[in-house]
Amino acid sequence: MRGAAPRKGAEWAGMSIAARNPSPAPRHQSLGEEIANSVSHGVGLLAAMVATPFLIASAVARGDAAFIAGACVFALSMVALYGASMVYHALPRNRAKQVAQLLDHGAIFLLIAGTYTPFTLGVLRGAWGWTLFGLVWGLAVIGVTLKVMNRITHPHLSTGLYLLMGWLVVIAIKPLMASMPAAGLAWLVTGGLAYTAGVVFFAADARWRFGHFVWHLFVMAGTTCHFVAVYAYAA
């Protein structure tokens, strides 16, 4: 019995430490927050669907298959992201919502890669265009696969991969600057900064009420900037 005492004492010590340093329990979004989340990206979905015909018509007018393909991929990625997000936040907390969350987070990878596509295929082209296209879509496939298989369990890993993909463009910034006007680059950078600023709210939405809704607003701002860049310079 005396030999078991140290173990019992260690257990009590561990319990005491845990009591002083409790792990924060995940906070579920309230009904009001989820309504705001779903409605905001429902508006984003509607805007994407309205904008898509204009984007594709602009690309078709150029008569270039690369611009048409890029515009179509970008448009589909917008619809996928906003549609998945709207449905996920509209569902009650059940198994279907868990599945929808994986699709929602996976769609973020698709939107990032889809945003690159008009610029890699239609603007950069050549070795730089195809290299960046392959890198971004390779990371997107890996990210979506890991998300769907539920292999990325820590949110910071997802966030880090999103940011890595989003700013991977810096490796091709010189050829991109030589291939499109400064105004186009300004729209691209502004959109990237909007997404990056929104990540602060995305990462802290468990602590800040309506933080996730604010993240949605930044996402919509970023998409709007990138839509302008694609429509004016890559479609």
C-alpha atoms as a PDB file:
ATOM      1  CA  MET A   1       0.000   0.000   0.000  1.00  0.00           C
ATOM      2  CA  ARG A   2       2.883   2.348   0.795  1.00  0.00           C
ATOM      3  CA  GLY A   3       4.262   1.789  -2.743  1.00  0.00           C
ATOM      4  CA  ALA A   4       1.015   3.105  -4.290  1.00  0.00           C
ATOM      5  CA  ALA A   5       1.084   6.376  -2.371  1.00  0.00           C
ATOM      6  CA  PRO A   6       3.476   8.249  -4.713  1.00  0.00           C
ATOM      7  CA  ARG A   7       1.293   7.377  -7.714  1.00  0.00           C
ATOM      8  CA  LYS A   8      -1.822   8.610  -5.943  1.00  0.00           C
ATOM      9  CA  GLY A   9       0.009  11.774  -4.977  1.00  0.00           C
ATOM     10  CA  ALA A  10       1.093  12.281  -8.589  1.00  0.00           C
ATOM     11  CA  GLU A  11      -2.488  11.853  -9.756  1.00  0.00           C
ATOM     12  CA  TRP A  12      -3.691  14.473  -7.264  1.00  0.00           C
ATOM     13  CA  ALA A  13      -0.880  16.781  -8.399  1.00  0.00           C
ATOM     14  CA  GLY A  14      -1.914  16.306 -12.038  1.00  0.00           C
ATOM     15  CA  MET A  15      -5.532  17.039 -11.177  1.00  0.00           C
ATOM     16  CA  SER A  16      -4.453  20.162  -9.313  1.00  0.00           C
ATOM     17  CA  ILE A  17      -2.431  21.402 -12.305  1.00  0.00           C
ATOM     18  CA  ALA A  18      -5.330  20.672 -14.679  1.00  0.00           C
ATOM     19  CA  ALA A  19      -7.680  22.587 -12.409  1.00  0.00           C
ATOM     20  CA  ARG A  20      -5.393  25.597 -12.473  1.00  0.00           C
ATOM     21  CA  ASN A  21      -4.830  25.369 -16.247  1.00  0.00           C
ATOM     22  CA  PRO A  22      -8.032  24.043 -17.783  1.00  0.00           C
ATOM     23  CA  SER A  23      -8.119  23.406 -21.546  1.00  0.00           C
ATOM     24  CA  PRO A  24     -10.596  25.775 -23.156  1.00  0.00           C
ATOM     25  CA  ALA A  25     -13.693  23.968 -24.335  1.00  0.00           C
ATOM     26  CA  PRO A  26     -14.639  24.643 -27.941  1.00  0.00           C
ATOM     27  CA  ARG A  27     -17.451  27.151 -28.194  1.00  0.00           C
ATOM     28  CA  HIS A  28     -20.275  26.334 -30.559  1.00  0.00           C
ATOM     29  CA  GLN A  29     -21.601  29.171 -32.672  1.00  0.00           C
ATOM     30  CA  SER A  30     -24.899  30.490 -31.333  1.00  0.00           C
ATOM     31  CA  LEU A  31     -28.068  30.387 -33.424  1.00  0.00           C
ATOM     32  CA  GLY A  32     -27.751  34.106 -34.151  1.00  0.00           C
ATOM     33  CA  GLU A  33     -24.136  33.699 -35.225  1.00  0.00           C
ATOM     34  CA  GLU A  34     -24.947  30.783 -37.505  1.00  0.00           C
ATOM     35  CA  ILE A  35     -27.787  32.718 -39.112  1.00  0.00           C
ATOM     36  CA  ALA A  36     -25.391  35.598 -39.784  1.00  0.00           C
ATOM     37  CA  ASN A  37     -22.767  33.180 -41.089  1.00  0.00           C
ATOM     38  CA  SER A  38     -25.178  31.406 -43.422  1.00  0.00           C
ATOM     39  CA  VAL A  39     -26.895  34.544 -44.699  1.00  0.00           C
ATOM     40  CA  SER A  40     -23.606  36.348 -45.351  1.00  0.00           C
ATOM     41  CA  HIS A  41     -22.260  33.599 -47.553  1.00  0.00           C
ATOM     42  CA  GLY A  42     -25.695  33.082 -49.053  1.00  0.00           C
ATOM     43  CA  VAL A  43     -25.350  36.654 -50.287  1.00  0.00           C
ATOM     44  CA  GLY A  44     -21.859  35.754 -51.494  1.00  0.00           C
ATOM     45  CA  LEU A  45     -23.259  32.756 -53.384  1.00  0.00           C
ATOM     46  CA  LEU A  46     -25.925  34.894 -55.033  1.00  0.00           C
ATOM     47  CA  ALA A  47     -23.333  37.496 -56.026  1.00  0.00           C
ATOM     48  CA  ALA A  48     -21.052  34.796 -57.465  1.00  0.00           C
ATOM     49  CA  MET A  49     -23.890  33.319 -59.506  1.00  0.00           C
ATOM     50  CA  VAL A  50     -24.898  36.735 -60.850  1.00  0.00           C
ATOM     51  CA  ALA A  51     -21.294  37.646 -61.691  1.00  0.00           C
ATOM     52  CA  THR A  52     -20.424  34.345 -63.397  1.00  0.00           C
ATOM     53  CA  PRO A  53     -22.166  34.990 -66.761  1.00  0.00           C
ATOM     54  CA  PHE A  54     -20.462  38.384 -67.087  1.00  0.00           C
ATOM     55  CA  LEU A  55     -17.081  36.853 -66.278  1.00  0.00           C
ATOM     56  CA  ILE A  56     -17.424  34.025 -68.779  1.00  0.00           C
ATOM     57  CA  ALA A  57     -18.836  36.344 -71.459  1.00  0.00           C
ATOM     58  CA  SER A  58     -15.776  38.564 -71.047  1.00  0.00           C
ATOM     59  CA  ALA A  59     -13.471  35.566 -71.459  1.00  0.00           C
ATOM     60  CA  VAL A  60     -15.380  34.283 -74.493  1.00  0.00           C
ATOM     61  CA  ALA A  61     -15.100  37.722 -76.097  1.00  0.00           C
ATOM     62  CA  ARG A  62     -11.313  37.370 -75.957  1.00  0.00           C
ATOM     63  CA  GLY A  63     -11.596  34.187 -78.002  1.00  0.00           C
ATOM     64  CA  ASP A  64      -8.793  32.509 -76.038  1.00  0.00           C
ATOM     65  CA  ALA A  65      -9.316  29.034 -74.572  1.00  0.00           C
ATOM     66  CA  ALA A  66      -6.899  29.709 -71.696  1.00  0.00           C
ATOM     67  CA  PHE A  67      -8.868  32.740 -70.538  1.00  0.00           C
ATOM     68  CA  ILE A  68     -12.169  30.872 -70.887  1.00  0.00           C
ATOM     69  CA  ALA A  69     -10.875  27.902 -68.875  1.00  0.00           C
ATOM     70  CA  GLY A  70      -9.472  30.175 -66.178  1.00  0.00           C
ATOM     71  CA  ALA A  71     -12.700  32.149 -65.875  1.00  0.00           C
ATOM     72  CA  CYS A  72     -14.798  28.974 -65.635  1.00  0.00           C
ATOM     73  CA  VAL A  73     -12.587  27.443 -62.947  1.00  0.00           C
ATOM     74  CA  PHE A  74     -12.581  30.647 -60.906  1.00  0.00           C
ATOM     75  CA  ALA A  75     -16.363  30.977 -61.186  1.00  0.00           C
ATOM     76  CA  LEU A  76     -16.957  27.362 -60.162  1.00  0.00           C
ATOM     77  CA  SER A  77     -14.608  27.702 -57.190  1.00  0.00           C
ATOM     78  CA  MET A  78     -16.502  30.791 -55.986  1.00  0.00           C
ATOM     79  CA  VAL A  79     -19.846  28.991 -56.229  1.00  0.00           C
ATOM     80  CA  ALA A  80     -18.413  25.909 -54.482  1.00  0.00           C
ATOM     81  CA  LEU A  81     -16.995  27.913 -51.572  1.00  0.00           C
ATOM     82  CA  TYR A  82     -20.013  30.094 -50.915  1.00  0.00           C
ATOM     83  CA  GLY A  83     -22.484  27.275 -51.489  1.00  0.00           C
ATOM     84  CA  ALA A  84     -20.674  24.878 -49.146  1.00  0.00           C
ATOM     85  CA  SER A  85     -20.292  27.558 -46.475  1.00  0.00           C
ATOM     86  CA  MET A  86     -23.938  28.621 -46.648  1.00  0.00           C
ATOM     87  CA  VAL A  87     -25.180  25.032 -46.305  1.00  0.00           C
ATOM     88  CA  TYR A  88     -22.749  24.167 -43.507  1.00  0.00           C
ATOM     89  CA  HIS A  89     -23.745  27.108 -41.335  1.00  0.00           C
ATOM     90  CA  ALA A  90     -27.459  26.564 -42.021  1.00  0.00           C
ATOM     91  CA  LEU A  91     -27.465  22.977 -40.737  1.00  0.00           C
ATOM     92  CA  PRO A  92     -28.199  22.043 -37.110  1.00  0.00           C
ATOM     93  CA  ARG A  93     -25.441  20.382 -35.090  1.00  0.00           C
ATOM     94  CA  ASN A  94     -25.534  16.785 -36.291  1.00  0.00           C
ATOM     95  CA  ARG A  95     -23.561  14.357 -38.429  1.00  0.00           C
ATOM     96  CA  ALA A  96     -24.579  16.142 -41.625  1.00  0.00           C
ATOM     97  CA  LYS A  97     -23.120  19.390 -40.282  1.00  0.00           C
ATOM     98  CA  GLN A  98     -19.824  17.651 -39.517  1.00  0.00           C
ATOM     99  CA  VAL A  99     -19.617  16.383 -43.090  1.00  0.00           C
ATOM    100  CA  ALA A 100     -20.602  19.799 -44.444  1.00  0.00           C
ATOM    101  CA  GLN A 101     -17.831  21.397 -42.375  1.00  0.00           C
ATOM    102  CA  LEU A 102     -15.233  19.198 -44.060  1.00  0.00           C
ATOM    103  CA  LEU A 103     -16.602  20.189 -47.464  1.00  0.00           C
ATOM    104  CA  ASP A 104     -16.678  23.854 -46.441  1.00  0.00           C
ATOM    105  CA  HIS A 105     -13.059  23.843 -45.341  1.00  0.00           C
ATOM    106  CA  GLY A 106     -12.050  21.813 -48.389  1.00  0.00           C
ATOM    107  CA  ALA A 107     -13.721  24.380 -50.638  1.00  0.00           C
ATOM    108  CA  ILE A 108     -11.366  27.048 -49.291  1.00  0.00           C
ATOM    109  CA  PHE A 109      -8.496  25.184 -50.953  1.00  0.00           C
ATOM    110  CA  LEU A 110     -10.492  25.090 -54.190  1.00  0.00           C
ATOM    111  CA  LEU A 111     -11.185  28.831 -54.121  1.00  0.00           C
ATOM    112  CA  ILE A 112      -7.521  29.657 -53.555  1.00  0.00           C
ATOM    113  CA  ALA A 113      -6.408  27.420 -56.429  1.00  0.00           C
ATOM    114  CA  GLY A 114      -9.331  28.575 -58.552  1.00  0.00           C
ATOM    115  CA  THR A 115      -8.281  32.192 -58.073  1.00  0.00           C
ATOM    116  CA  TYR A 116      -4.768  31.410 -59.286  1.00  0.00           C
ATOM    117  CA  THR A 117      -6.002  29.610 -62.401  1.00  0.00           C
ATOM    118  CA  PRO A 118      -6.958  32.600 -64.611  1.00  0.00           C
ATOM    119  CA  PHE A 119      -3.592  34.209 -63.928  1.00  0.00           C
ATOM    120  CA  THR A 120      -1.466  31.090 -64.363  1.00  0.00           C
ATOM    121  CA  LEU A 121      -3.211  29.924 -67.546  1.00  0.00           C
ATOM    122  CA  GLY A 122      -4.188  33.221 -69.149  1.00  0.00           C
ATOM    123  CA  VAL A 123      -1.687  35.823 -67.917  1.00  0.00           C
ATOM    124  CA  LEU A 124       1.597  34.134 -66.975  1.00  0.00           C
ATOM    125  CA  ARG A 125       1.468  31.083 -69.249  1.00  0.00           C
ATOM    126  CA  GLY A 126       4.720  29.347 -70.159  1.00  0.00           C
ATOM    127  CA  ALA A 127       7.015  27.776 -67.570  1.00  0.00           C
ATOM    128  CA  TRP A 128       6.094  30.158 -64.755  1.00  0.00           C
ATOM    129  CA  GLY A 129       2.377  29.786 -65.356  1.00  0.00           C
ATOM    130  CA  TRP A 130       2.364  26.004 -65.458  1.00  0.00           C
ATOM    131  CA  THR A 131       4.770  25.688 -62.520  1.00  0.00           C
ATOM    132  CA  LEU A 132       2.631  27.881 -60.278  1.00  0.00           C
ATOM    133  CA  PHE A 133      -0.526  26.177 -61.547  1.00  0.00           C
ATOM    134  CA  GLY A 134       0.890  22.744 -60.667  1.00  0.00           C
ATOM    135  CA  LEU A 135       2.142  23.813 -57.239  1.00  0.00           C
ATOM    136  CA  VAL A 136      -1.109  25.458 -56.183  1.00  0.00           C
ATOM    137  CA  TRP A 137      -3.404  22.734 -57.445  1.00  0.00           C
ATOM    138  CA  GLY A 138      -1.112  20.068 -55.996  1.00  0.00           C
ATOM    139  CA  LEU A 139      -1.399  21.702 -52.573  1.00  0.00           C
ATOM    140  CA  ALA A 140      -5.156  22.081 -53.061  1.00  0.00           C
ATOM    141  CA  VAL A 141      -5.587  18.379 -53.818  1.00  0.00           C
ATOM    142  CA  ILE A 142      -3.486  17.465 -50.785  1.00  0.00           C
ATOM    143  CA  GLY A 143      -5.422  19.879 -48.572  1.00  0.00           C
ATOM    144  CA  VAL A 144      -8.853  18.713 -49.733  1.00  0.00           C
ATOM    145  CA  THR A 145      -7.859  15.057 -49.384  1.00  0.00           C
ATOM    146  CA  LEU A 146      -6.540  15.546 -45.862  1.00  0.00           C
ATOM    147  CA  LYS A 147      -9.639  17.538 -44.908  1.00  0.00           C
ATOM    148  CA  VAL A 148     -12.101  14.999 -46.294  1.00  0.00           C
ATOM    149  CA  MET A 149     -10.179  12.174 -44.611  1.00  0.00           C
ATOM    150  CA  ASN A 150     -10.183  14.269 -41.418  1.00  0.00           C
ATOM    151  CA  ARG A 151      -6.390  14.131 -41.173  1.00  0.00           C
ATOM    152  CA  ILE A 152      -6.000  17.834 -40.380  1.00  0.00           C
ATOM    153  CA  THR A 153      -7.386  18.089 -36.878  1.00  0.00           C
ATOM    154  CA  HIS A 154      -5.602  21.215 -35.652  1.00  0.00           C
ATOM    155  CA  PRO A 155      -7.129  24.405 -37.104  1.00  0.00           C
ATOM    156  CA  HIS A 156      -3.779  26.207 -37.205  1.00  0.00           C
ATOM    157  CA  LEU A 157      -2.460  23.630 -39.688  1.00  0.00           C
ATOM    158  CA  SER A 158      -5.300  24.401 -42.073  1.00  0.00           C
ATOM    159  CA  THR A 159      -4.838  28.131 -41.613  1.00  0.00           C
ATOM    160  CA  GLY A 160      -1.112  27.862 -42.260  1.00  0.00           C
ATOM    161  CA  LEU A 161      -1.692  25.905 -45.459  1.00  0.00           C
ATOM    162  CA  TYR A 162      -4.294  28.420 -46.643  1.00  0.00           C
ATOM    163  CA  LEU A 163      -1.835  31.273 -46.103  1.00  0.00           C
ATOM    164  CA  LEU A 164       1.015  29.376 -47.763  1.00  0.00           C
ATOM    165  CA  MET A 165      -1.091  28.779 -50.858  1.00  0.00           C
ATOM    166  CA  GLY A 166      -2.436  32.307 -50.900  1.00  0.00           C
ATOM    167  CA  TRP A 167       0.967  33.977 -50.850  1.00  0.00           C
ATOM    168  CA  LEU A 168       2.805  31.433 -52.997  1.00  0.00           C
ATOM    169  CA  VAL A 169       2.380  33.948 -55.801  1.00  0.00           C
ATOM    170  CA  VAL A 170       5.430  35.840 -54.494  1.00  0.00           C
ATOM    171  CA  ILE A 171       7.699  33.291 -56.200  1.00  0.00           C
ATOM    172  CA  ALA A 172       6.381  34.503 -59.557  1.00  0.00           C
ATOM    173  CA  ILE A 173       5.887  38.165 -58.724  1.00  0.00           C
ATOM    174  CA  LYS A 174       8.476  39.443 -61.248  1.00  0.00           C
ATOM    175  CA  PRO A 175       7.020  37.683 -64.311  1.00  0.00           C
ATOM    176  CA  LEU A 176       3.526  38.596 -63.115  1.00  0.00           C
ATOM    177  CA  MET A 177       4.502  42.267 -62.846  1.00  0.00           C
ATOM    178  CA  ALA A 178       5.819  42.074 -66.393  1.00  0.00           C
ATOM    179  CA  SER A 179       2.615  40.446 -67.664  1.00  0.00           C
ATOM    180  CA  MET A 180      -0.152  42.631 -66.243  1.00  0.00           C
ATOM    181  CA  PRO A 181      -0.738  46.295 -65.335  1.00  0.00           C
ATOM    182  CA  ALA A 182       0.004  47.635 -61.868  1.00  0.00           C
ATOM    183  CA  ALA A 183      -3.712  48.128 -61.248  1.00  0.00           C
ATOM    184  CA  GLY A 184      -4.305  44.403 -61.677  1.00  0.00           C
ATOM    185  CA  LEU A 185      -1.552  43.598 -59.198  1.00  0.00           C
ATOM    186  CA  ALA A 186      -3.034  46.125 -56.783  1.00  0.00           C
ATOM    187  CA  TRP A 187      -6.393  44.347 -56.876  1.00  0.00           C
ATOM    188  CA  LEU A 188      -4.676  40.997 -56.333  1.00  0.00           C
ATOM    189  CA  VAL A 189      -2.624  42.222 -53.380  1.00  0.00           C
ATOM    190  CA  THR A 190      -5.596  44.013 -51.815  1.00  0.00           C
ATOM    191  CA  GLY A 191      -7.650  40.835 -52.039  1.00  0.00           C
ATOM    192  CA  GLY A 192      -4.842  38.817 -50.495  1.00  0.00           C
ATOM    193  CA  LEU A 193      -4.518  41.301 -47.641  1.00  0.00           C
ATOM    194  CA  ALA A 194      -8.277  41.141 -47.029  1.00  0.00           C
ATOM    195  CA  TYR A 195      -8.159  37.355 -46.724  1.00  0.00           C
ATOM    196  CA  THR A 196      -5.076  37.525 -44.502  1.00  0.00           C
ATOM    197  CA  ALA A 197      -6.604  40.129 -42.183  1.00  0.00           C
ATOM    198  CA  GLY A 198      -9.738  38.014 -41.930  1.00  0.00           C
ATOM    199  CA  VAL A 199      -7.700  35.023 -40.765  1.00  0.00           C
ATOM    200  CA  VAL A 200      -7.329  36.793 -37.400  1.00  0.00           C
ATOM    201  CA  PHE A 201     -11.086  36.508 -36.888  1.00  0.00           C
ATOM    202  CA  PHE A 202     -11.195  32.985 -38.339  1.00  0.00           C
ATOM    203  CA  ALA A 203      -8.562  31.801 -35.858  1.00  0.00           C
ATOM    204  CA  ALA A 204     -10.253  33.506 -32.893  1.00  0.00           C
ATOM    205  CA  ASP A 205     -13.902  32.772 -33.650  1.00  0.00           C
ATOM    206  CA  ALA A 206     -14.074  30.427 -30.652  1.00  0.00           C
ATOM    207  CA  ARG A 207     -13.433  33.424 -28.386  1.00  0.00           C
ATOM    208  CA  TRP A 208     -15.054  36.338 -30.225  1.00  0.00           C
ATOM    209  CA  ARG A 209     -18.796  36.373 -30.736  1.00  0.00           C
ATOM    210  CA  PHE A 210     -19.587  36.960 -34.397  1.00  0.00           C
ATOM    211  CA  GLY A 211     -15.880  36.669 -35.149  1.00  0.00           C
ATOM    212  CA  HIS A 212     -16.656  34.052 -37.783  1.00  0.00           C
ATOM    213  CA  PHE A 213     -19.203  36.381 -39.378  1.00  0.00           C
ATOM    214  CA  VAL A 214     -16.529  39.078 -39.596  1.00  0.00           C
ATOM    215  CA  TRP A 215     -14.235  36.508 -41.212  1.00  0.00           C
ATOM    216  CA  HIS A 216     -16.961  35.933 -43.793  1.00  0.00           C
ATOM    217  CA  LEU A 217     -17.067  39.645 -44.573  1.00  0.00           C
ATOM    218  CA  PHE A 218     -13.312  39.702 -45.153  1.00  0.00           C
ATOM    219  CA  VAL A 219     -13.618  36.653 -47.417  1.00  0.00           C
ATOM    220  CA  MET A 220     -16.290  38.412 -49.463  1.00  0.00           C
ATOM    221  CA  ALA A 221     -14.106  41.519 -49.695  1.00  0.00           C
ATOM    222  CA  GLY A 222     -11.143  39.430 -50.844  1.00  0.00           C
ATOM    223  CA  THR A 223     -13.223  37.590 -53.436  1.00  0.00           C
ATOM    224  CA  THR A 224     -14.607  40.880 -54.737  1.00  0.00           C
ATOM    225  CA  CYS A 225     -11.106  42.288 -55.236  1.00  0.00           C
ATOM    226  CA  HIS A 226      -9.976  39.138 -57.005  1.00  0.00           C
ATOM    227  CA  PHE A 227     -13.090  39.081 -59.166  1.00  0.00           C
ATOM    228  CA  VAL A 228     -12.274  42.610 -60.347  1.00  0.00           C
ATOM    229  CA  ALA A 229      -8.703  41.519 -61.116  1.00  0.00           C
ATOM    230  CA  VAL A 230      -9.862  38.464 -63.066  1.00  0.00           C
ATOM    231  CA  TYR A 231     -12.638  40.284 -64.929  1.00  0.00           C
ATOM    232  CA  ALA A 232     -10.480  43.240 -65.925  1.00  0.00           C
ATOM    233  CA  TYR A 233      -7.148  41.560 -66.596  1.00  0.00           C
ATOM    234  CA  ALA A 234      -7.481  37.760 -66.855  1.00  0.00           C
ATOM    235  CA  ALA A 235     -10.815  37.040 -68.549  1.00  0.00           C
END
